[in-house]
Each structure stands twice: as structure tokens, then as C-alpha cells.
PDB file of N, CA and C in Angstrom:
ATOM      1  N   MET A   1       3.679  15.436   9.207  1.00  0.00           N
ATOM      2  CA  MET A   1       4.610  14.765   9.782  1.00  0.00           C
ATOM      3  C   MET A   1       5.040  15.941  10.731  1.00  0.00           C
ATOM      4  N   CYS A   2       5.445  15.843  11.963  1.00  0.00           N
ATOM      5  CA  CYS A   2       6.077  16.784  12.981  1.00  0.00           C
ATOM      6  C   CYS A   2       7.322  16.572  13.313  1.00  0.00           C
ATOM      7  N   VAL A   3       8.091  17.725  13.951  1.00  0.00           N
ATOM      8  CA  VAL A   3       9.391  17.514  14.379  1.00  0.00           C
ATOM      9  C   VAL A   3       9.480  16.810  15.685  1.00  0.00           C
ATOM     10  N   LYS A   4      10.199  15.721  15.680  1.00  0.00           N
ATOM     11  CA  LYS A   4      10.356  14.872  16.825  1.00  0.00           C
ATOM     12  C   LYS A   4      11.582  15.370  17.625  1.00  0.00           C
ATOM     13  N   ASP A   5      12.453  15.859  17.113  1.00  0.00           N
ATOM     14  CA  ASP A   5      13.857  16.163  17.999  1.00  0.00           C
ATOM     15  C   ASP A   5      14.723  17.302  17.151  1.00  0.00           C
ATOM     16  N   ILE A   6      15.388  17.889  18.082  1.00  0.00           N
ATOM     17  CA  ILE A   6      16.105  18.826  17.460  1.00  0.00           C
ATOM     18  C   ILE A   6      17.803  18.577  18.105  1.00  0.00           C
ATOM     19  N   VAL A   7      18.628  18.417  17.237  1.00  0.00           N
ATOM     20  CA  VAL A   7      20.063  18.315  18.040  1.00  0.00           C
ATOM     21  C   VAL A   7      20.862  19.421  17.548  1.00  0.00           C
ATOM     22  N   THR A   8      21.646  19.776  18.357  1.00  0.00           N
ATOM     23  CA  THR A   8      22.613  20.936  17.887  1.00  0.00           C
ATOM     24  C   THR A   8      24.246  20.390  18.083  1.00  0.00           C
ATOM     25  N   VAL A   9      24.999  20.947  17.486  1.00  0.00           N
ATOM     26  CA  VAL A   9      26.570  20.635  17.269  1.00  0.00           C
ATOM     27  C   VAL A   9      27.292  21.894  17.792  1.00  0.00           C
ATOM     28  N   SER A  10      28.609  21.567  18.145  1.00  0.00           N
ATOM     29  CA  SER A  10      29.423  22.926  18.614  1.00  0.00           C
ATOM     30  C   SER A  10      29.981  23.393  17.506  1.00  0.00           C
ATOM     31  N   ASP A  11      30.621  24.703  17.709  1.00  0.00           N
ATOM     32  CA  ASP A  11      31.237  25.349  16.460  1.00  0.00           C
ATOM     33  C   ASP A  11      32.495  24.444  15.888  1.00  0.00           C
ATOM     34  N   ASP A  12      33.207  24.002  17.418  1.00  0.00           N
ATOM     35  CA  ASP A  12      34.401  23.048  17.120  1.00  0.00           C
ATOM     36  C   ASP A  12      34.093  21.703  16.164  1.00  0.00           C
ATOM     37  N   GLN A  13      32.818  21.075  16.325  1.00  0.00           N
ATOM     38  CA  GLN A  13      32.311  20.136  15.561  1.00  0.00           C
ATOM     39  C   GLN A  13      31.936  20.486  14.290  1.00  0.00           C
ATOM     40  N   LEU A  14      31.556  21.718  14.150  1.00  0.00           N
ATOM     41  CA  LEU A  14      31.166  21.961  12.357  1.00  0.00           C
ATOM     42  C   LEU A  14      32.654  22.285  11.875  1.00  0.00           C
ATOM     43  N   ARG A  15      33.554  22.822  12.467  1.00  0.00           N
ATOM     44  CA  ARG A  15      34.799  22.937  12.025  1.00  0.00           C
ATOM     45  C   ARG A  15      35.582  21.703  11.749  1.00  0.00           C
ATOM     46  N   THR A  16      35.530  20.843  12.480  1.00  0.00           N
ATOM     47  CA  THR A  16      36.076  19.589  12.218  1.00  0.00           C
ATOM     48  C   THR A  16      35.358  19.042  11.106  1.00  0.00           C
ATOM     49  N   GLN A  17      34.196  18.757  10.877  1.00  0.00           N
ATOM     50  CA  GLN A  17      33.570  18.284   9.945  1.00  0.00           C
ATOM     51  C   GLN A  17      33.735  19.292   8.598  1.00  0.00           C
ATOM     52  N   MET A  18      33.715  20.212   8.624  1.00  0.00           N
ATOM     53  CA  MET A  18      34.451  21.167   7.423  1.00  0.00           C
ATOM     54  C   MET A  18      36.032  20.630   6.820  1.00  0.00           C
ATOM     55  N   GLN A  19      36.772  20.597   7.902  1.00  0.00           N
ATOM     56  CA  GLN A  19      37.862  19.880   7.722  1.00  0.00           C
ATOM     57  C   GLN A  19      38.079  18.542   7.110  1.00  0.00           C
ATOM     58  N   PHE A  20      37.292  17.618   7.533  1.00  0.00           N
ATOM     59  CA  PHE A  20      36.917  16.398   7.003  1.00  0.00           C
ATOM     60  C   PHE A  20      36.477  16.474   5.550  1.00  0.00           C
ATOM     61  N   PHE A  21      35.528  16.860   5.411  1.00  0.00           N
ATOM     62  CA  PHE A  21      35.346  17.173   4.019  1.00  0.00           C
ATOM     63  C   PHE A  21      36.274  17.962   3.086  1.00  0.00           C
ATOM     64  N   ALA A  22      36.959  18.985   3.589  1.00  0.00           N
ATOM     65  CA  ALA A  22      38.047  19.403   2.592  1.00  0.00           C
ATOM     66  C   ALA A  22      38.976  18.479   2.562  1.00  0.00           C
ATOM     67  N   GLU A  23      39.690  17.657   3.607  1.00  0.00           N
ATOM     68  CA  GLU A  23      41.081  16.680   3.498  1.00  0.00           C
ATOM     69  C   GLU A  23      40.646  15.577   2.608  1.00  0.00           C
ATOM     70  N   ARG A  24      39.419  14.742   3.061  1.00  0.00           N
ATOM     71  CA  ARG A  24      39.080  13.519   2.755  1.00  0.00           C
ATOM     72  C   ARG A  24      38.522  13.601   1.433  1.00  0.00           C
ATOM     73  N   MET A  25      37.536  14.437   1.257  1.00  0.00           N
ATOM     74  CA  MET A  25      36.735  14.382   0.255  1.00  0.00           C
ATOM     75  C   MET A  25      36.904  15.216  -1.037  1.00  0.00           C
ATOM     76  N   LYS A  26      37.865  16.322  -0.242  1.00  0.00           N
ATOM     77  CA  LYS A  26      38.389  17.593  -1.460  1.00  0.00           C
ATOM     78  C   LYS A  26      36.981  18.321  -1.784  1.00  0.00           C
ATOM     79  N   ILE A  27      36.176  18.610  -0.944  1.00  0.00           N
ATOM     80  CA  ILE A  27      34.800  19.529  -1.345  1.00  0.00           C
ATOM     81  C   ILE A  27      35.031  20.607  -0.246  1.00  0.00           C
ATOM     82  N   VAL A  28      34.510  21.798  -0.745  1.00  0.00           N
ATOM     83  CA  VAL A  28      34.192  22.993   0.017  1.00  0.00           C
ATOM     84  C   VAL A  28      32.620  22.929   0.655  1.00  0.00           C
ATOM     85  N   VAL A  29      32.445  22.785   1.855  1.00  0.00           N
ATOM     86  CA  VAL A  29      31.174  22.599   2.511  1.00  0.00           C
ATOM     87  C   VAL A  29      31.102  23.673   3.620  1.00  0.00           C
ATOM     88  N   GLU A  30      30.001  24.578   3.611  1.00  0.00           N
ATOM     89  CA  GLU A  30      29.793  25.512   4.410  1.00  0.00           C
ATOM     90  C   GLU A  30      29.384  24.999   5.651  1.00  0.00           C
ATOM     91  N   PRO A  31      29.475  25.687   6.996  1.00  0.00           N
ATOM     92  CA  PRO A  31      29.047  25.007   8.001  1.00  0.00           C
ATOM     93  C   PRO A  31      27.602  24.195   8.220  1.00  0.00           C
ATOM     94  N   ALA A  32      26.537  25.083   8.029  1.00  0.00           N
ATOM     95  CA  ALA A  32      25.412  24.684   7.890  1.00  0.00           C
ATOM     96  C   ALA A  32      25.113  23.484   6.810  1.00  0.00           C
ATOM     97  N   GLY A  33      25.977  23.621   5.882  1.00  0.00           N
ATOM     98  CA  GLY A  33      25.676  22.178   4.881  1.00  0.00           C
ATOM     99  C   GLY A  33      26.337  20.939   5.351  1.00  0.00           C
ATOM    100  N   CYS A  34      27.075  21.207   6.421  1.00  0.00           N
ATOM    101  CA  CYS A  34      27.672  19.972   7.036  1.00  0.00           C
ATOM    102  C   CYS A  34      27.229  19.661   8.283  1.00  0.00           C
ATOM    103  N   LEU A  35      26.068  20.447   8.803  1.00  0.00           N
ATOM    104  CA  LEU A  35      25.769  20.206  10.359  1.00  0.00           C
ATOM    105  C   LEU A  35      25.158  18.552  10.504  1.00  0.00           C
ATOM    106  N   ALA A  36      24.183  18.142   9.476  1.00  0.00           N
ATOM    107  CA  ALA A  36      23.811  17.021   9.967  1.00  0.00           C
ATOM    108  C   ALA A  36      24.976  15.936   9.919  1.00  0.00           C
ATOM    109  N   ALA A  37      25.985  16.004   9.048  1.00  0.00           N
ATOM    110  CA  ALA A  37      26.920  14.959   8.956  1.00  0.00           C
ATOM    111  C   ALA A  37      28.043  15.118  10.347  1.00  0.00           C
ATOM    112  N   ALA A  38      28.028  16.317  10.994  1.00  0.00           N
ATOM    113  CA  ALA A  38      28.614  16.640  12.016  1.00  0.00           C
ATOM    114  C   ALA A  38      27.852  15.998  13.193  1.00  0.00           C
ATOM    115  N   ALA A  39      26.690  16.036  13.320  1.00  0.00           N
ATOM    116  CA  ALA A  39      25.737  15.206  14.348  1.00  0.00           C
ATOM    117  C   ALA A  39      26.028  13.672  14.273  1.00  0.00           C
ATOM    118  N   VAL A  40      26.000  13.155  13.033  1.00  0.00           N
ATOM    119  CA  VAL A  40      26.230  11.797  13.112  1.00  0.00           C
ATOM    120  C   VAL A  40      27.637  11.286  13.504  1.00  0.00           C
ATOM    121  N   MET A  41      28.622  11.996  13.007  1.00  0.00           N
ATOM    122  CA  MET A  41      30.233  11.837  12.974  1.00  0.00           C
ATOM    123  C   MET A  41      30.527  12.078  14.489  1.00  0.00           C
ATOM    124  N   HIS A  42      30.017  12.773  14.956  1.00  0.00           N
ATOM    125  CA  HIS A  42      30.297  13.401  16.475  1.00  0.00           C
ATOM    126  C   HIS A  42      29.574  12.544  17.349  1.00  0.00           C
ATOM    127  N   ARG A  43      28.547  11.718  16.946  1.00  0.00           N
ATOM    128  CA  ARG A  43      27.847  10.763  17.522  1.00  0.00           C
ATOM    129  C   ARG A  43      26.942  11.536  18.542  1.00  0.00           C
ATOM    130  N   VAL A  44      26.450  12.718  18.374  1.00  0.00           N
ATOM    131  CA  VAL A  44      25.244  13.651  18.779  1.00  0.00           C
ATOM    132  C   VAL A  44      24.075  12.851  18.689  1.00  0.00           C
ATOM    133  N   VAL A  45      23.933  12.053  17.787  1.00  0.00           N
ATOM    134  CA  VAL A  45      22.511  11.273  17.476  1.00  0.00           C
ATOM    135  C   VAL A  45      23.077   9.998  16.994  1.00  0.00           C
ATOM    136  N   ALA A  46      22.540   9.089  18.078  1.00  0.00           N
ATOM    137  CA  ALA A  46      23.222   7.617  17.969  1.00  0.00           C
ATOM    138  C   ALA A  46      22.179   6.610  17.024  1.00  0.00           C
ATOM    139  N   PHE A  47      22.935   6.026  15.994  1.00  0.00           N
ATOM    140  CA  PHE A  47      22.225   5.313  14.764  1.00  0.00           C
ATOM    141  C   PHE A  47      22.768   3.927  14.929  1.00  0.00           C
ATOM    142  N   SER A  48      23.109   3.317  15.874  1.00  0.00           N
ATOM    143  CA  SER A  48      24.031   2.042  16.026  1.00  0.00           C
ATOM    144  C   SER A  48      23.024   0.762  15.503  1.00  0.00           C
ATOM    145  N   GLY A  49      23.887   0.538  14.391  1.00  0.00           N
ATOM    146  CA  GLY A  49      23.837  -0.584  13.490  1.00  0.00           C
ATOM    147  C   GLY A  49      22.822  -0.203  12.462  1.00  0.00           C
ATOM    148  N   ALA A  50      22.477   0.997  12.059  1.00  0.00           N
ATOM    149  CA  ALA A  50      21.660   1.342  11.019  1.00  0.00           C
ATOM    150  C   ALA A  50      22.474   2.159   9.840  1.00  0.00           C
ATOM    151  N   ARG A  51      21.950   2.003   8.654  1.00  0.00           N
ATOM    152  CA  ARG A  51      22.534   2.649   7.581  1.00  0.00           C
ATOM    153  C   ARG A  51      22.124   4.239   7.687  1.00  0.00           C
ATOM    154  N   VAL A  52      22.906   5.034   7.446  1.00  0.00           N
ATOM    155  CA  VAL A  52      22.616   6.496   7.761  1.00  0.00           C
ATOM    156  C   VAL A  52      22.806   7.081   6.280  1.00  0.00           C
ATOM    157  N   GLY A  53      21.765   8.005   5.746  1.00  0.00           N
ATOM    158  CA  GLY A  53      22.437   9.164   4.252  1.00  0.00           C
ATOM    159  C   GLY A  53      22.150  10.152   5.074  1.00  0.00           C
ATOM    160  N   VAL A  54      23.294  11.169   4.708  1.00  0.00           N
ATOM    161  CA  VAL A  54      23.225  12.487   5.146  1.00  0.00           C
ATOM    162  C   VAL A  54      23.372  13.451   3.974  1.00  0.00           C
ATOM    163  N   MET A  55      22.351  14.415   3.652  1.00  0.00           N
ATOM    164  CA  MET A  55      22.745  15.556   2.601  1.00  0.00           C
ATOM    165  C   MET A  55      23.739  16.570   3.176  1.00  0.00           C
ATOM    166  N   VAL A  56      24.478  16.636   2.109  1.00  0.00           N
ATOM    167  CA  VAL A  56      25.751  17.641   2.209  1.00  0.00           C
ATOM    168  C   VAL A  56      25.531  18.825   1.295  1.00  0.00           C
ATOM    169  N   SER A  57      25.498  19.935   1.648  1.00  0.00           N
ATOM    170  CA  SER A  57      25.522  21.235   0.625  1.00  0.00           C
ATOM    171  C   SER A  57      25.989  22.140   0.927  1.00  0.00           C
ATOM    172  N   GLY A  58      26.306  23.015  -0.280  1.00  0.00           N
ATOM    173  CA  GLY A  58      26.731  24.493   0.143  1.00  0.00           C
ATOM    174  C   GLY A  58      28.546  24.657   0.249  1.00  0.00           C
ATOM    175  N   GLY A  59      28.610  25.339  -0.706  1.00  0.00           N
ATOM    176  CA  GLY A  59      29.733  26.061  -0.831  1.00  0.00           C
ATOM    177  C   GLY A  59      30.079  27.292  -0.668  1.00  0.00           C
ATOM    178  N   ASN A  60      28.720  28.095  -0.319  1.00  0.00           N
ATOM    179  CA  ASN A  60      28.925  29.487  -0.186  1.00  0.00           C
ATOM    180  C   ASN A  60      29.385  29.908   1.185  1.00  0.00           C
ATOM    181  N   VAL A  61      30.954  29.864   0.924  1.00  0.00           N
ATOM    182  CA  VAL A  61      31.292  30.337   2.396  1.00  0.00           C
ATOM    183  C   VAL A  61      32.710  31.169   1.888  1.00  0.00           C
ATOM    184  N   ASP A  62      33.098  32.266   2.501  1.00  0.00           N
ATOM    185  CA  ASP A  62      34.078  32.997   2.224  1.00  0.00           C
ATOM    186  C   ASP A  62      35.380  32.454   2.562  1.00  0.00           C
ATOM    187  N   MET A  63      36.038  32.384   1.372  1.00  0.00           N
ATOM    188  CA  MET A  63      37.705  31.495   1.690  1.00  0.00           C
ATOM    189  C   MET A  63      38.320  31.825   2.885  1.00  0.00           C
ATOM    190  N   ALA A  64      38.234  33.283   3.215  1.00  0.00           N
ATOM    191  CA  ALA A  64      39.113  33.445   4.228  1.00  0.00           C
ATOM    192  C   ALA A  64      38.431  32.972   5.583  1.00  0.00           C
ATOM    193  N   LEU A  65      37.209  32.781   5.393  1.00  0.00           N
ATOM    194  CA  LEU A  65      36.753  32.296   7.068  1.00  0.00           C
ATOM    195  C   LEU A  65      36.836  30.557   6.858  1.00  0.00           C
ATOM    196  N   PHE A  66      36.808  30.245   5.412  1.00  0.00           N
ATOM    197  CA  PHE A  66      37.028  28.807   5.321  1.00  0.00           C
ATOM    198  C   PHE A  66      38.430  28.348   5.950  1.00  0.00           C
ATOM    199  N   ALA A  67      39.300  28.957   5.463  1.00  0.00           N
ATOM    200  CA  ALA A  67      40.640  28.577   5.636  1.00  0.00           C
ATOM    201  C   ALA A  67      40.957  28.899   7.214  1.00  0.00           C
ATOM    202  N   ARG A  68      40.630  29.731   7.894  1.00  0.00           N
ATOM    203  CA  ARG A  68      40.659  29.882   9.580  1.00  0.00           C
ATOM    204  C   ARG A  68      39.994  29.112  10.081  1.00  0.00           C
ATOM    205  N   SER A  69      38.832  28.515   9.448  1.00  0.00           N
ATOM    206  CA  SER A  69      37.922  27.397  10.210  1.00  0.00           C
ATOM    207  C   SER A  69      38.693  26.176  10.079  1.00  0.00           C
ATOM    208  N   ILE A  70      39.522  25.566   8.919  1.00  0.00           N
ATOM    209  CA  ILE A  70      40.242  24.705   8.802  1.00  0.00           C
ATOM    210  C   ILE A  70      41.292  24.520   9.810  1.00  0.00           C
ATOM    211  N   ALA A  71      42.124  25.713   9.933  1.00  0.00           N
ATOM    212  CA  ALA A  71      43.366  25.882  10.535  1.00  0.00           C
ATOM    213  C   ALA A  71      43.019  25.614  12.102  1.00  0.00           C
ATOM    214  N   ALA A  72      41.583  26.154  12.507  1.00  0.00           N
ATOM    215  CA  ALA A  72      41.216  26.029  13.652  1.00  0.00           C
ATOM    216  C   ALA A  72      40.849  24.423  14.319  1.00  0.00           C
ATOM    217  N   ALA A  73      40.585  24.041  13.101  1.00  0.00           N
ATOM    218  CA  ALA A  73      40.110  22.472  13.403  1.00  0.00           C
ATOM    219  C   ALA A  73      41.410  21.384  13.392  1.00  0.00           C
ATOM    220  N   LYS A  74      42.261  21.937  13.392  1.00  0.00           N
ATOM    221  CA  LYS A  74      43.359  20.925  13.667  1.00  0.00           C
ATOM    222  C   LYS A  74      43.636  20.638  14.973  1.00  0.00           C
ATOM    223  N   ALA A  75      43.101  21.125  16.012  1.00  0.00           N
ATOM    224  CA  ALA A  75      43.242  20.934  17.176  1.00  0.00           C
ATOM    225  C   ALA A  75      42.407  20.005  17.711  1.00  0.00           C
ATOM    226  N   PHE A  76      41.235  19.441  16.850  1.00  0.00           N
ATOM    227  CA  PHE A  76      40.362  18.758  17.200  1.00  0.00           C
ATOM    228  C   PHE A  76      40.060  17.447  16.271  1.00  0.00           C
ATOM    229  N   SER A  77      39.499  16.477  16.840  1.00  0.00           N
ATOM    230  CA  SER A  77      39.460  15.283  16.137  1.00  0.00           C
ATOM    231  C   SER A  77      38.145  14.553  16.271  1.00  0.00           C
ATOM    232  N   CYS A  78      37.570  14.098  15.109  1.00  0.00           N
ATOM    233  CA  CYS A  78      36.529  13.629  14.987  1.00  0.00           C
ATOM    234  C   CYS A  78      36.104  11.908  15.571  1.00  0.00           C
ATOM    235  N   VAL A  79      35.398  12.035  16.791  1.00  0.00           N
ATOM    236  CA  VAL A  79      35.335  10.762  17.533  1.00  0.00           C
ATOM    237  C   VAL A  79      34.760   9.691  16.624  1.00  0.00           C
ATOM    238  N   ALA A  80      34.250   9.660  15.701  1.00  0.00           N
ATOM    239  CA  ALA A  80      33.543   8.641  14.851  1.00  0.00           C
ATOM    240  C   ALA A  80      34.372   7.967  14.314  1.00  0.00           C
ATOM    241  N   TRP A  81      35.890   8.371  13.817  1.00  0.00           N
ATOM    242  CA  TRP A  81      36.701   7.571  13.308  1.00  0.00           C
ATOM    243  C   TRP A  81      38.044   7.195  14.131  1.00  0.00           C
ATOM    244  N   ARG A  82      37.566   6.959  15.565  1.00  0.00           N
ATOM    245  CA  ARG A  82      38.365   6.189  16.321  1.00  0.00           C
ATOM    246  C   ARG A  82      37.940   4.797  16.729  1.00  0.00           C
TER     247      ARG A  82
END
């Protein structure tokens, strides 16, 4: 199997996704651990009409950095929930 595509998300999208997991699901997820979810939630990758499963992992994040990231995410919203 070969790689067909590579997608990226912004730091703001990662912070927003971290905030989503913290506030809605009550879990701590490091930025790299929520990257795939951020790509789907912010519609970087289109999956119109499809069921999508995303692996979420990693709580290996400095809590001070986590708190700053969550605070910074307050100014942004996730487009997938509109």
C-alpha cells in the first residue's frame, strides 16, 4: 500500500480540536493525537455521506501548554458543528 495523499491542519485547528475533546468528551489529547480528527472536523478532508472512524490518542502533553492551547482556542470555532 502506498500513500495517496497528505493533509495538514493549522495550529489553530489543532487547538480547537484539543478544546473540543477537553470540553465535550472530557479527555486530554495531545496535538498530534487529534490531528486526524481536526482534519475531518474542519473539513480539510471531504467525506460526504461516508462513515468515518478516526483514531485519537496521546495524553502526553505538558499541562501548562495544554491550558494555554485550550485558552487560545476560545477564539475559534469548529466549522463541522455549524
